[in-house]
Protein backbone atom coordinates (compact mmCIF):
# COMPACT_ATOMS: atom_id res chain seq x y z
CA UNK A 1 -206.47 141.34 -211.52
CA UNK A 2 -205.43 141.10 -215.16
CA UNK A 3 -203.98 143.89 -217.31
CA UNK A 4 -207.32 144.65 -218.95
CA UNK A 5 -209.06 145.12 -215.61
CA UNK A 6 -206.20 147.34 -214.38
CA UNK A 7 -206.49 149.39 -217.55
CA UNK A 8 -210.26 149.85 -217.15
CA UNK A 9 -209.85 150.84 -213.50
CA UNK A 10 -207.09 153.26 -214.38
CA UNK A 11 -209.23 154.90 -217.08
CA UNK A 12 -212.20 155.16 -214.72
CA UNK A 13 -209.91 156.62 -212.07
CA UNK A 14 -208.48 159.13 -214.53
CA UNK A 15 -212.01 160.16 -215.51
CA UNK A 16 -213.05 160.65 -211.87
CA UNK A 17 -209.87 162.51 -210.97
CA UNK A 18 -210.12 164.74 -214.03
CA UNK A 19 -213.78 165.51 -213.36
CA UNK A 20 -213.15 166.30 -209.71
CA UNK A 21 -210.14 168.51 -210.38
CA UNK A 22 -211.80 170.33 -213.29
CA UNK A 23 -214.99 171.07 -211.37
CA UNK A 24 -212.97 172.14 -208.33
CA UNK A 25 -210.69 174.56 -210.18
CA UNK A 26 -213.44 175.76 -212.51
CA UNK A 27 -215.80 176.43 -209.63
CA UNK A 28 -213.20 178.41 -207.71
CA UNK A 29 -212.33 180.44 -210.79
CA UNK A 30 -215.98 181.11 -211.62
CA UNK A 31 -216.87 182.16 -208.07
CA UNK A 32 -213.75 184.26 -207.58
CA UNK A 33 -213.48 185.86 -211.00
CA UNK A 34 -217.12 186.21 -212.05
CA UNK A 35 -219.71 185.82 -209.30
CA UNK A 36 -218.04 187.61 -206.35
CA UNK A 37 -216.90 190.67 -208.35
CA UNK A 38 -220.37 191.01 -209.86
CA UNK A 39 -222.11 190.79 -206.49
CA UNK A 40 -219.67 193.13 -204.74
CA UNK A 41 -219.16 195.74 -207.46
CA UNK A 42 -222.02 195.62 -209.98
CA UNK A 43 -225.16 194.42 -208.20
CA UNK A 44 -225.85 197.72 -206.43
CA UNK A 45 -225.34 196.23 -202.97
CA UNK A 46 -223.26 197.68 -200.16
CA UNK A 47 -220.43 195.50 -198.82
CA UNK A 48 -222.51 194.15 -195.93
CA UNK A 49 -225.35 193.13 -198.23
CA UNK A 50 -222.95 191.64 -200.77
CA UNK A 51 -221.22 189.68 -198.00
CA UNK A 52 -224.58 188.37 -196.83
CA UNK A 53 -225.34 187.21 -200.39
CA UNK A 54 -221.96 185.59 -201.01
CA UNK A 55 -221.42 183.94 -197.61
CA UNK A 56 -223.89 181.08 -198.18
CA UNK A 57 -222.58 180.64 -201.72
CA UNK A 58 -219.00 180.19 -200.51
CA UNK A 59 -220.08 177.94 -197.64
CA UNK A 60 -222.06 175.78 -200.06
CA UNK A 61 -219.07 175.59 -202.39
CA UNK A 62 -216.93 174.49 -199.44
CA UNK A 63 -219.30 171.54 -198.99
CA UNK A 64 -219.02 170.88 -202.73
CA UNK A 65 -215.21 170.85 -202.40
CA UNK A 66 -215.47 168.12 -199.78
CA UNK A 67 -217.50 166.01 -202.23
CA UNK A 68 -215.03 166.74 -205.03
CA UNK A 69 -212.14 165.77 -202.75
CA UNK A 70 -213.84 162.42 -202.11
CA UNK A 71 -214.32 161.96 -205.86
CA UNK A 72 -210.65 162.80 -206.43
CA UNK A 73 -209.43 160.36 -203.77
CA UNK A 74 -211.62 157.60 -205.25
CA UNK A 75 -210.25 158.35 -208.71
CA UNK A 76 -206.69 158.23 -207.43
CA UNK A 77 -207.32 154.94 -205.63
CA UNK A 78 -208.48 153.44 -208.93
CA UNK A 79 -205.84 155.10 -211.10
CA UNK A 80 -202.59 154.90 -209.17
CA UNK A 81 -202.14 151.10 -208.92
CA UNK A 82 -201.88 150.96 -212.73
CA UNK A 83 -199.47 153.89 -213.04
CA UNK A 84 -195.91 152.93 -213.83
CA UNK A 85 -194.32 156.34 -213.51
CA UNK A 86 -190.91 156.91 -212.02
CA UNK A 87 -190.68 157.50 -208.29
CA UNK A 88 -189.98 161.28 -208.49
CA UNK A 89 -193.08 161.80 -210.64
CA UNK A 90 -195.23 159.83 -208.21
CA UNK A 91 -193.74 161.73 -205.28
CA UNK A 92 -194.56 165.06 -206.95
CA UNK A 93 -198.10 163.89 -207.66
CA UNK A 94 -198.55 162.73 -204.06
CA UNK A 95 -197.17 166.02 -202.70
CA UNK A 96 -199.57 168.03 -204.88
CA UNK A 97 -202.47 165.86 -203.77
CA UNK A 98 -201.64 166.23 -200.07
CA UNK A 99 -201.18 170.00 -200.48
CA UNK A 100 -204.54 170.34 -202.27
CA UNK A 101 -206.38 168.33 -199.63
CA UNK A 102 -204.67 170.35 -196.89
CA UNK A 103 -205.66 173.63 -198.51
CA UNK A 104 -209.23 172.37 -198.84
CA UNK A 105 -209.37 171.43 -195.16
CA UNK A 106 -207.91 174.79 -194.13
CA UNK A 107 -210.38 176.72 -196.27
CA UNK A 108 -213.51 174.66 -195.76
CA UNK A 109 -213.20 173.93 -192.06
CA UNK A 110 -211.35 176.94 -190.67
CA UNK A 111 -211.12 180.01 -192.90
CA UNK A 112 -214.64 180.10 -194.37
CA UNK A 113 -216.42 179.33 -191.09
CA UNK A 114 -214.25 181.98 -189.40
CA UNK A 115 -215.26 184.56 -192.00
CA UNK A 116 -218.92 183.68 -191.55
CA UNK A 117 -218.69 183.88 -187.76
CA UNK A 118 -217.10 187.34 -187.95
CA UNK A 119 -219.69 188.47 -190.50
CA UNK A 120 -222.49 187.35 -188.18
CA UNK A 121 -220.86 189.33 -185.35
CA UNK A 122 -221.17 192.44 -187.50
CA UNK A 123 -217.52 192.73 -188.53
CA UNK A 124 -216.69 195.00 -191.46
CA UNK A 125 -213.38 194.58 -193.26
CA UNK A 126 -210.76 196.96 -191.94
CA UNK A 127 -212.94 198.39 -189.14
CA UNK A 128 -211.76 197.65 -185.62
CA UNK A 129 -210.21 194.44 -184.30
CA UNK A 130 -212.94 192.18 -185.72
CA UNK A 131 -212.69 193.90 -189.07
CA UNK A 132 -208.93 193.45 -189.17
CA UNK A 133 -209.40 189.77 -188.34
CA UNK A 134 -212.03 189.51 -191.09
CA UNK A 135 -209.65 191.19 -193.54
CA UNK A 136 -206.88 188.76 -192.56
CA UNK A 137 -209.14 185.71 -192.99
CA UNK A 138 -210.41 187.05 -196.31
CA UNK A 139 -206.85 187.40 -197.62
CA UNK A 140 -206.07 183.86 -196.43
CA UNK A 141 -209.17 182.59 -198.16
CA UNK A 142 -208.17 184.24 -201.43
CA UNK A 143 -204.64 182.80 -201.16
CA UNK A 144 -206.02 179.32 -200.42
CA UNK A 145 -208.35 179.60 -203.41
CA UNK A 146 -205.52 180.61 -205.75
CA UNK A 147 -203.33 177.82 -204.36
CA UNK A 148 -206.10 175.26 -204.90
CA UNK A 149 -206.53 176.32 -208.53
CA UNK A 150 -202.79 175.98 -209.15
CA UNK A 151 -202.63 172.65 -207.31
CA UNK A 152 -205.58 171.33 -209.34
CA UNK A 153 -203.78 172.36 -212.54
CA UNK A 154 -200.59 170.63 -211.40
CA UNK A 155 -202.50 167.48 -210.51
CA UNK A 156 -204.29 167.47 -213.85
CA UNK A 157 -200.93 167.74 -215.58
CA UNK A 158 -199.38 164.93 -213.54
CA UNK A 159 -202.47 162.73 -213.97
CA UNK A 160 -202.38 163.03 -217.73
CA UNK A 161 -198.64 162.56 -218.05
CA UNK A 162 -198.59 159.41 -215.90
CA UNK A 163 -199.96 156.55 -217.91
CA UNK A 164 -199.96 152.85 -217.23
CA UNK A 165 -197.48 152.39 -220.09
CA UNK A 166 -194.47 154.45 -219.00
CA UNK A 167 -191.54 152.97 -217.16
């Protein structure tokens, strides 16, 4: 592969990675800072009703995260062979990527389904053993969401500071 082809692949990879990370972080921020507070505090619903409204939204977004993760991995596969960054920068980027994918797996395949299962069992946050478990999972979910936003921001920064030109 010649330098021009590497450059085109790297640019396409950067575009895919940037799109995936931006949609991922933006979606989490929008759901967590706009949609959920509105549904829970301003829509006139009790907590059980609001939970029933938001549960399928969060579960659908978890599926969306899996698609965005695939887009991100594809972008990185195209982008990274052309990057000529120093080893510590690449190691940081790889660590952020692994952490983001790990947080996505934890949230999408364990925390969110656990919340939904408890909700379907009639659990109410803070009420009884199931409610305490629901509260715990909800706090984990919030922490995973915040971590994913920060990891996406870190990856965006490392993507855009690692070009094919630097030594």
